[in-house]
Amino acid sequence: MTHSPLSIRLAQQADLPALIALYADDDIGQTREWTTPDHAYQSAFDAIDADPNHLLLVGEMEGVIAATLLLSFIPGLSRHGAWRAQIEAMRVARALRGQGLGQMLLDWAVDTARRRGCTLVQLTSDRRRSEAHRFYESAGFSPTHFGFKRSLETP
């Protein structure tokens, strides 16, 4: 899907262990991710893979998965019936950050959203990820809204 150094493609079933490792590759992820695929990860992967409004992307360098993000397309009535793209779970391997890989993946996602007719690209980022916030702002994203979440997990 792109040229080197990063090759961008849709994730495949065999990528699941590498994706989970990327999600757990920081202080926040270590507290909420498991270290190996299980039924819950597999079920989520299958649902994403089956829905054309979700693209689970991986960025590879020399055959190694270096980055990922989930790009979702959401219809809406606001903004005159606009479609928006939602970027979630963007990760770049810790050892490869600062090399422009995240920018390449993000640019691919934004271009794809534009081609799909979206009028807005949005993302969320944990408040504790200050380096990620600087990156997103340098990529043209603005912190325009407050985000709220409510956990539905049983304690």
N, C-alpha and C. Protein backbone atom coordinates (compact mmCIF):
# COMPACT_ATOMS: atom_id res chain seq x y z
N MET A 1 0.81 -1.20 0.00
CA MET A 1 0.00 0.00 0.00
C MET A 1 0.85 1.27 0.00
N THR A 2 2.05 1.23 0.53
CA THR A 2 2.97 2.36 0.44
C THR A 2 4.36 1.85 0.09
N HIS A 3 5.29 2.76 -0.08
CA HIS A 3 6.67 2.40 -0.40
C HIS A 3 7.50 2.37 0.87
N SER A 4 8.72 1.84 0.75
CA SER A 4 9.58 1.74 1.92
C SER A 4 9.90 3.12 2.46
N PRO A 5 10.32 3.21 3.72
CA PRO A 5 10.72 2.09 4.55
C PRO A 5 9.55 1.37 5.22
N LEU A 6 8.35 1.90 5.12
CA LEU A 6 7.21 1.28 5.78
C LEU A 6 6.23 0.78 4.73
N SER A 7 5.90 -0.48 4.82
CA SER A 7 4.89 -1.07 3.95
C SER A 7 3.61 -1.18 4.76
N ILE A 8 2.53 -0.57 4.27
CA ILE A 8 1.26 -0.55 5.01
C ILE A 8 0.29 -1.51 4.34
N ARG A 9 -0.35 -2.34 5.17
CA ARG A 9 -1.30 -3.32 4.66
C ARG A 9 -2.35 -3.61 5.72
N LEU A 10 -3.40 -4.33 5.32
CA LEU A 10 -4.40 -4.78 6.28
C LEU A 10 -3.80 -5.88 7.15
N ALA A 11 -4.17 -5.87 8.42
CA ALA A 11 -3.70 -6.90 9.33
C ALA A 11 -4.29 -8.25 8.95
N GLN A 12 -3.54 -9.29 9.22
CA GLN A 12 -3.97 -10.67 8.99
C GLN A 12 -3.99 -11.40 10.32
N GLN A 13 -4.70 -12.51 10.34
CA GLN A 13 -4.81 -13.32 11.55
C GLN A 13 -3.44 -13.60 12.17
N ALA A 14 -2.47 -13.91 11.35
CA ALA A 14 -1.14 -14.26 11.85
C ALA A 14 -0.44 -13.08 12.54
N ASP A 15 -0.93 -11.86 12.33
CA ASP A 15 -0.34 -10.66 12.94
C ASP A 15 -0.78 -10.44 14.38
N LEU A 16 -1.78 -11.17 14.83
CA LEU A 16 -2.38 -10.90 16.13
C LEU A 16 -1.37 -10.88 17.28
N PRO A 17 -0.45 -11.82 17.42
CA PRO A 17 0.52 -11.72 18.52
C PRO A 17 1.37 -10.45 18.45
N ALA A 18 1.79 -10.06 17.26
CA ALA A 18 2.60 -8.84 17.13
C ALA A 18 1.79 -7.60 17.47
N LEU A 19 0.52 -7.58 17.11
CA LEU A 19 -0.34 -6.43 17.43
C LEU A 19 -0.52 -6.30 18.94
N ILE A 20 -0.79 -7.41 19.59
CA ILE A 20 -0.97 -7.39 21.04
C ILE A 20 0.32 -6.92 21.72
N ALA A 21 1.45 -7.34 21.20
CA ALA A 21 2.72 -6.89 21.76
C ALA A 21 2.90 -5.39 21.60
N LEU A 22 2.48 -4.83 20.46
CA LEU A 22 2.55 -3.38 20.28
C LEU A 22 1.65 -2.65 21.28
N TYR A 23 0.44 -3.17 21.50
CA TYR A 23 -0.47 -2.52 22.44
C TYR A 23 0.09 -2.52 23.86
N ALA A 24 0.86 -3.55 24.19
CA ALA A 24 1.41 -3.67 25.54
C ALA A 24 2.79 -3.03 25.69
N ASP A 25 3.27 -2.39 24.62
CA ASP A 25 4.65 -1.88 24.60
C ASP A 25 4.80 -0.49 25.22
N ASP A 26 4.07 -0.20 26.27
CA ASP A 26 4.27 1.04 27.02
C ASP A 26 3.69 0.88 28.41
N ASP A 27 3.91 1.88 29.24
CA ASP A 27 3.49 1.78 30.64
C ASP A 27 1.99 1.61 30.79
N ILE A 28 1.21 2.29 29.96
CA ILE A 28 -0.25 2.18 30.06
C ILE A 28 -0.72 0.83 29.54
N GLY A 29 -0.23 0.44 28.38
CA GLY A 29 -0.64 -0.83 27.79
C GLY A 29 -0.28 -2.03 28.64
N GLN A 30 0.83 -1.96 29.34
CA GLN A 30 1.25 -3.08 30.18
C GLN A 30 0.23 -3.39 31.26
N THR A 31 -0.55 -2.39 31.66
CA THR A 31 -1.52 -2.60 32.73
C THR A 31 -2.86 -3.12 32.25
N ARG A 32 -3.10 -3.10 30.92
CA ARG A 32 -4.42 -3.51 30.46
C ARG A 32 -4.43 -4.54 29.34
N GLU A 33 -3.27 -4.91 28.82
CA GLU A 33 -3.22 -5.89 27.75
C GLU A 33 -2.68 -7.22 28.26
N TRP A 34 -3.13 -8.29 27.65
CA TRP A 34 -2.60 -9.61 27.95
C TRP A 34 -1.40 -9.82 27.04
N THR A 35 -0.62 -10.79 27.29
CA THR A 35 0.60 -10.97 26.51
C THR A 35 0.43 -11.94 25.35
N THR A 36 -0.66 -12.69 25.33
CA THR A 36 -0.87 -13.64 24.23
C THR A 36 -2.32 -13.55 23.75
N PRO A 37 -2.53 -13.88 22.49
CA PRO A 37 -3.91 -13.86 21.96
C PRO A 37 -4.78 -14.86 22.71
N ASP A 38 -6.02 -14.50 22.90
CA ASP A 38 -7.01 -15.39 23.48
C ASP A 38 -8.30 -15.22 22.69
N HIS A 39 -9.38 -15.82 23.19
CA HIS A 39 -10.66 -15.78 22.47
C HIS A 39 -11.17 -14.34 22.30
N ALA A 40 -11.00 -13.50 23.30
CA ALA A 40 -11.49 -12.12 23.21
C ALA A 40 -10.77 -11.35 22.10
N TYR A 41 -9.44 -11.46 22.05
CA TYR A 41 -8.69 -10.79 20.97
C TYR A 41 -9.10 -11.35 19.61
N GLN A 42 -9.25 -12.67 19.53
CA GLN A 42 -9.61 -13.31 18.26
C GLN A 42 -11.00 -12.86 17.81
N SER A 43 -11.94 -12.81 18.73
CA SER A 43 -13.30 -12.40 18.42
C SER A 43 -13.32 -10.95 17.92
N ALA A 44 -12.57 -10.09 18.57
CA ALA A 44 -12.49 -8.69 18.15
C ALA A 44 -11.86 -8.58 16.77
N PHE A 45 -10.78 -9.31 16.54
CA PHE A 45 -10.13 -9.30 15.23
C PHE A 45 -11.12 -9.74 14.16
N ASP A 46 -11.84 -10.82 14.40
CA ASP A 46 -12.80 -11.34 13.41
C ASP A 46 -13.89 -10.32 13.09
N ALA A 47 -14.40 -9.63 14.11
CA ALA A 47 -15.44 -8.62 13.89
C ALA A 47 -14.90 -7.46 13.07
N ILE A 48 -13.70 -7.00 13.38
CA ILE A 48 -13.08 -5.90 12.63
C ILE A 48 -12.85 -6.33 11.18
N ASP A 49 -12.29 -7.52 11.01
CA ASP A 49 -11.95 -8.02 9.69
C ASP A 49 -13.18 -8.19 8.80
N ALA A 50 -14.32 -8.51 9.40
CA ALA A 50 -15.55 -8.77 8.64
C ALA A 50 -16.30 -7.50 8.26
N ASP A 51 -15.96 -6.37 8.85
CA ASP A 51 -16.72 -5.14 8.65
C ASP A 51 -15.94 -4.18 7.74
N PRO A 52 -16.49 -3.85 6.57
CA PRO A 52 -15.78 -2.96 5.65
C PRO A 52 -15.60 -1.53 6.16
N ASN A 53 -16.27 -1.18 7.24
CA ASN A 53 -16.11 0.15 7.82
C ASN A 53 -14.98 0.20 8.85
N HIS A 54 -14.23 -0.87 8.97
CA HIS A 54 -13.08 -0.92 9.86
C HIS A 54 -11.88 -1.47 9.11
N LEU A 55 -10.77 -0.77 9.20
CA LEU A 55 -9.52 -1.23 8.60
C LEU A 55 -8.47 -1.30 9.70
N LEU A 56 -8.04 -2.50 10.02
CA LEU A 56 -6.96 -2.69 10.98
C LEU A 56 -5.67 -2.75 10.17
N LEU A 57 -4.85 -1.73 10.32
CA LEU A 57 -3.65 -1.59 9.51
C LEU A 57 -2.40 -1.96 10.28
N VAL A 58 -1.43 -2.50 9.54
CA VAL A 58 -0.11 -2.70 10.10
C VAL A 58 0.91 -2.05 9.17
N GLY A 59 1.95 -1.54 9.78
CA GLY A 59 3.08 -1.02 9.04
C GLY A 59 4.26 -1.94 9.29
N GLU A 60 4.82 -2.45 8.21
CA GLU A 60 5.94 -3.39 8.32
C GLU A 60 7.23 -2.75 7.83
N MET A 61 8.31 -3.12 8.48
CA MET A 61 9.66 -2.76 8.04
C MET A 61 10.46 -4.04 7.99
N GLU A 62 10.93 -4.37 6.81
CA GLU A 62 11.74 -5.58 6.64
C GLU A 62 11.07 -6.81 7.24
N GLY A 63 9.76 -6.94 7.01
CA GLY A 63 9.02 -8.10 7.47
C GLY A 63 8.62 -8.09 8.93
N VAL A 64 8.94 -7.02 9.67
CA VAL A 64 8.59 -6.92 11.08
C VAL A 64 7.50 -5.87 11.25
N ILE A 65 6.47 -6.21 12.01
CA ILE A 65 5.40 -5.25 12.25
C ILE A 65 5.91 -4.18 13.20
N ALA A 66 5.94 -2.94 12.70
CA ALA A 66 6.51 -1.82 13.44
C ALA A 66 5.46 -0.85 13.95
N ALA A 67 4.25 -0.90 13.38
CA ALA A 67 3.22 0.08 13.74
C ALA A 67 1.85 -0.49 13.40
N THR A 68 0.84 0.10 14.01
CA THR A 68 -0.54 -0.31 13.73
C THR A 68 -1.50 0.83 14.07
N LEU A 69 -2.67 0.77 13.49
CA LEU A 69 -3.80 1.60 13.91
C LEU A 69 -5.07 1.00 13.37
N LEU A 70 -6.17 1.34 14.01
CA LEU A 70 -7.50 0.95 13.56
C LEU A 70 -8.16 2.19 12.99
N LEU A 71 -8.59 2.11 11.73
CA LEU A 71 -9.28 3.20 11.07
C LEU A 71 -10.73 2.79 10.85
N SER A 72 -11.66 3.52 11.47
CA SER A 72 -13.08 3.20 11.36
C SER A 72 -13.81 4.34 10.69
N PHE A 73 -14.81 4.00 9.91
CA PHE A 73 -15.62 4.98 9.18
C PHE A 73 -17.01 5.00 9.80
N ILE A 74 -17.44 6.19 10.24
CA ILE A 74 -18.66 6.34 11.02
C ILE A 74 -19.63 7.29 10.30
N PRO A 75 -20.83 6.81 9.96
CA PRO A 75 -21.82 7.72 9.37
C PRO A 75 -22.45 8.57 10.47
N GLY A 76 -22.94 9.72 10.09
CA GLY A 76 -23.60 10.58 11.07
C GLY A 76 -24.58 11.53 10.40
N LEU A 77 -25.49 12.05 11.17
CA LEU A 77 -26.43 13.04 10.66
C LEU A 77 -25.90 14.45 10.84
N SER A 78 -25.10 14.68 11.89
CA SER A 78 -24.56 16.02 12.11
C SER A 78 -23.59 16.37 10.98
N ARG A 79 -23.29 17.64 10.86
CA ARG A 79 -22.41 18.14 9.79
C ARG A 79 -22.98 17.78 8.42
N HIS A 80 -24.30 17.87 8.32
CA HIS A 80 -24.99 17.64 7.06
C HIS A 80 -24.80 16.21 6.55
N GLY A 81 -24.96 15.26 7.45
CA GLY A 81 -24.85 13.85 7.08
C GLY A 81 -23.43 13.39 6.79
N ALA A 82 -22.48 14.00 7.46
CA ALA A 82 -21.07 13.72 7.18
C ALA A 82 -20.63 12.37 7.72
N TRP A 83 -19.73 11.76 6.99
CA TRP A 83 -18.99 10.60 7.47
C TRP A 83 -17.73 11.11 8.15
N ARG A 84 -17.34 10.45 9.20
CA ARG A 84 -16.08 10.79 9.86
C ARG A 84 -15.24 9.53 10.01
N ALA A 85 -13.96 9.73 10.08
CA ALA A 85 -13.04 8.62 10.32
C ALA A 85 -12.54 8.71 11.75
N GLN A 86 -12.46 7.59 12.40
CA GLN A 86 -11.98 7.51 13.77
C GLN A 86 -10.70 6.67 13.77
N ILE A 87 -9.64 7.22 14.31
CA ILE A 87 -8.38 6.50 14.45
C ILE A 87 -8.26 6.05 15.90
N GLU A 88 -8.01 4.78 16.08
CA GLU A 88 -7.88 4.21 17.43
C GLU A 88 -6.64 3.34 17.50
N ALA A 89 -6.14 3.18 18.70
CA ALA A 89 -5.07 2.23 19.00
C ALA A 89 -3.87 2.36 18.07
N MET A 90 -3.45 3.59 17.82
CA MET A 90 -2.25 3.79 17.01
C MET A 90 -1.03 3.53 17.88
N ARG A 91 -0.15 2.68 17.39
CA ARG A 91 1.06 2.35 18.12
C ARG A 91 2.22 2.22 17.15
N VAL A 92 3.37 2.67 17.59
CA VAL A 92 4.64 2.44 16.90
C VAL A 92 5.55 1.77 17.91
N ALA A 93 6.25 0.74 17.49
CA ALA A 93 7.15 0.04 18.40
C ALA A 93 8.08 1.04 19.07
N ARG A 94 8.23 0.90 20.36
CA ARG A 94 9.01 1.83 21.17
C ARG A 94 10.40 2.09 20.57
N ALA A 95 11.08 1.05 20.14
CA ALA A 95 12.45 1.19 19.62
C ALA A 95 12.50 1.91 18.27
N LEU A 96 11.35 2.06 17.61
CA LEU A 96 11.33 2.67 16.27
C LEU A 96 10.68 4.04 16.24
N ARG A 97 10.29 4.55 17.39
CA ARG A 97 9.64 5.87 17.42
C ARG A 97 10.63 6.96 17.03
N GLY A 98 10.13 8.04 16.47
CA GLY A 98 10.96 9.17 16.08
C GLY A 98 11.58 9.03 14.70
N GLN A 99 11.21 8.01 13.95
CA GLN A 99 11.77 7.79 12.62
C GLN A 99 10.79 8.14 11.50
N GLY A 100 9.62 8.68 11.86
CA GLY A 100 8.64 9.07 10.85
C GLY A 100 7.66 7.98 10.47
N LEU A 101 7.72 6.82 11.11
CA LEU A 101 6.82 5.73 10.77
C LEU A 101 5.38 6.06 11.13
N GLY A 102 5.19 6.65 12.30
CA GLY A 102 3.85 7.04 12.71
C GLY A 102 3.24 8.05 11.76
N GLN A 103 4.06 8.99 11.29
CA GLN A 103 3.56 9.99 10.34
C GLN A 103 3.14 9.34 9.03
N MET A 104 3.92 8.36 8.56
CA MET A 104 3.56 7.66 7.33
C MET A 104 2.24 6.92 7.47
N LEU A 105 2.06 6.24 8.60
CA LEU A 105 0.83 5.51 8.84
C LEU A 105 -0.35 6.46 8.99
N LEU A 106 -0.15 7.54 9.71
CA LEU A 106 -1.20 8.53 9.90
C LEU A 106 -1.58 9.19 8.57
N ASP A 107 -0.60 9.54 7.76
CA ASP A 107 -0.87 10.13 6.44
C ASP A 107 -1.68 9.18 5.57
N TRP A 108 -1.34 7.90 5.61
CA TRP A 108 -2.08 6.91 4.83
C TRP A 108 -3.53 6.87 5.29
N ALA A 109 -3.74 6.87 6.60
CA ALA A 109 -5.10 6.82 7.16
C ALA A 109 -5.90 8.06 6.77
N VAL A 110 -5.30 9.23 6.87
CA VAL A 110 -6.00 10.48 6.51
C VAL A 110 -6.34 10.49 5.02
N ASP A 111 -5.41 10.10 4.18
CA ASP A 111 -5.67 10.04 2.74
C ASP A 111 -6.79 9.06 2.41
N THR A 112 -6.80 7.92 3.09
CA THR A 112 -7.85 6.93 2.88
C THR A 112 -9.20 7.48 3.32
N ALA A 113 -9.24 8.16 4.45
CA ALA A 113 -10.49 8.77 4.93
C ALA A 113 -11.00 9.80 3.92
N ARG A 114 -10.12 10.59 3.37
CA ARG A 114 -10.51 11.59 2.37
C ARG A 114 -11.10 10.89 1.14
N ARG A 115 -10.43 9.83 0.67
CA ARG A 115 -10.92 9.10 -0.50
C ARG A 115 -12.27 8.44 -0.23
N ARG A 116 -12.53 8.07 1.02
CA ARG A 116 -13.81 7.45 1.38
C ARG A 116 -14.91 8.49 1.61
N GLY A 117 -14.60 9.77 1.43
CA GLY A 117 -15.61 10.81 1.55
C GLY A 117 -15.81 11.36 2.95
N CYS A 118 -14.92 11.06 3.86
CA CYS A 118 -15.05 11.60 5.22
C CYS A 118 -14.72 13.09 5.21
N THR A 119 -15.41 13.84 6.05
CA THR A 119 -15.16 15.27 6.15
C THR A 119 -14.37 15.62 7.42
N LEU A 120 -14.10 14.61 8.25
CA LEU A 120 -13.42 14.84 9.52
C LEU A 120 -12.69 13.56 9.92
N VAL A 121 -11.49 13.73 10.44
CA VAL A 121 -10.76 12.61 11.04
C VAL A 121 -10.56 12.96 12.50
N GLN A 122 -10.90 12.03 13.37
CA GLN A 122 -10.78 12.28 14.80
C GLN A 122 -10.06 11.12 15.46
N LEU A 123 -9.51 11.39 16.62
CA LEU A 123 -8.85 10.35 17.39
C LEU A 123 -8.89 10.73 18.85
N THR A 124 -8.68 9.74 19.68
CA THR A 124 -8.54 10.01 21.10
C THR A 124 -7.18 9.51 21.54
N SER A 125 -6.70 10.08 22.63
CA SER A 125 -5.41 9.69 23.18
C SER A 125 -5.49 9.86 24.69
N ASP A 126 -4.99 8.88 25.39
CA ASP A 126 -4.98 8.94 26.85
C ASP A 126 -4.26 10.21 27.31
N ARG A 127 -4.81 10.86 28.30
CA ARG A 127 -4.21 12.11 28.81
C ARG A 127 -2.76 11.97 29.21
N ARG A 128 -2.36 10.77 29.59
CA ARG A 128 -0.99 10.54 30.05
C ARG A 128 0.02 10.43 28.91
N ARG A 129 -0.43 10.39 27.68
CA ARG A 129 0.46 10.20 26.53
C ARG A 129 0.90 11.55 25.94
N SER A 130 1.65 12.30 26.70
CA SER A 130 2.03 13.66 26.27
C SER A 130 2.87 13.66 24.99
N GLU A 131 3.73 12.68 24.81
CA GLU A 131 4.52 12.63 23.57
C GLU A 131 3.61 12.39 22.37
N ALA A 132 2.62 11.53 22.53
CA ALA A 132 1.66 11.28 21.45
C ALA A 132 0.88 12.55 21.14
N HIS A 133 0.51 13.31 22.16
CA HIS A 133 -0.23 14.55 21.93
C HIS A 133 0.59 15.53 21.10
N ARG A 134 1.86 15.67 21.41
CA ARG A 134 2.73 16.55 20.61
C ARG A 134 2.80 16.06 19.17
N PHE A 135 2.90 14.76 18.98
CA PHE A 135 2.94 14.19 17.64
C PHE A 135 1.66 14.50 16.88
N TYR A 136 0.50 14.26 17.48
CA TYR A 136 -0.77 14.50 16.79
C TYR A 136 -0.94 15.98 16.45
N GLU A 137 -0.57 16.85 17.36
CA GLU A 137 -0.68 18.28 17.06
C GLU A 137 0.26 18.68 15.93
N SER A 138 1.46 18.12 15.90
CA SER A 138 2.39 18.44 14.80
C SER A 138 1.89 17.89 13.47
N ALA A 139 1.00 16.89 13.53
CA ALA A 139 0.42 16.30 12.32
C ALA A 139 -0.87 17.01 11.90
N GLY A 140 -1.22 18.10 12.58
CA GLY A 140 -2.39 18.88 12.18
C GLY A 140 -3.66 18.62 12.95
N PHE A 141 -3.62 17.78 13.96
CA PHE A 141 -4.80 17.53 14.79
C PHE A 141 -4.85 18.56 15.91
N SER A 142 -6.06 18.97 16.27
CA SER A 142 -6.25 19.96 17.33
C SER A 142 -7.04 19.35 18.48
N PRO A 143 -6.66 19.67 19.71
CA PRO A 143 -7.41 19.17 20.87
C PRO A 143 -8.67 20.02 21.09
N THR A 144 -9.71 19.76 20.31
CA THR A 144 -10.89 20.62 20.29
C THR A 144 -11.99 20.19 21.26
N HIS A 145 -11.95 18.95 21.74
CA HIS A 145 -13.04 18.45 22.57
C HIS A 145 -12.48 17.77 23.82
N PHE A 146 -13.32 17.69 24.83
CA PHE A 146 -13.03 16.85 25.98
C PHE A 146 -13.62 15.49 25.66
N GLY A 147 -12.94 14.44 26.06
CA GLY A 147 -13.48 13.11 25.88
C GLY A 147 -13.89 12.52 27.21
N PHE A 148 -14.95 11.77 27.20
CA PHE A 148 -15.43 11.12 28.41
C PHE A 148 -15.62 9.64 28.12
N LYS A 149 -15.28 8.82 29.09
CA LYS A 149 -15.47 7.37 28.97
C LYS A 149 -16.10 6.86 30.25
N ARG A 150 -16.83 5.79 30.10
CA ARG A 150 -17.40 5.14 31.27
C ARG A 150 -17.15 3.64 31.11
N SER A 151 -16.41 3.08 32.00
CA SER A 151 -16.10 1.67 31.94
C SER A 151 -17.34 0.86 32.25
N LEU A 152 -17.55 -0.18 31.48
CA LEU A 152 -18.66 -1.11 31.72
C LEU A 152 -18.16 -2.45 32.21
N GLU A 153 -16.87 -2.51 32.53
CA GLU A 153 -16.29 -3.75 33.05
C GLU A 153 -16.67 -3.92 34.51
N THR A 154 -16.90 -5.13 34.91
CA THR A 154 -17.22 -5.43 36.29
C THR A 154 -15.94 -5.44 37.10
N PRO A 155 -15.91 -4.71 38.23
CA PRO A 155 -14.69 -4.68 39.04
C PRO A 155 -14.34 -6.03 39.62
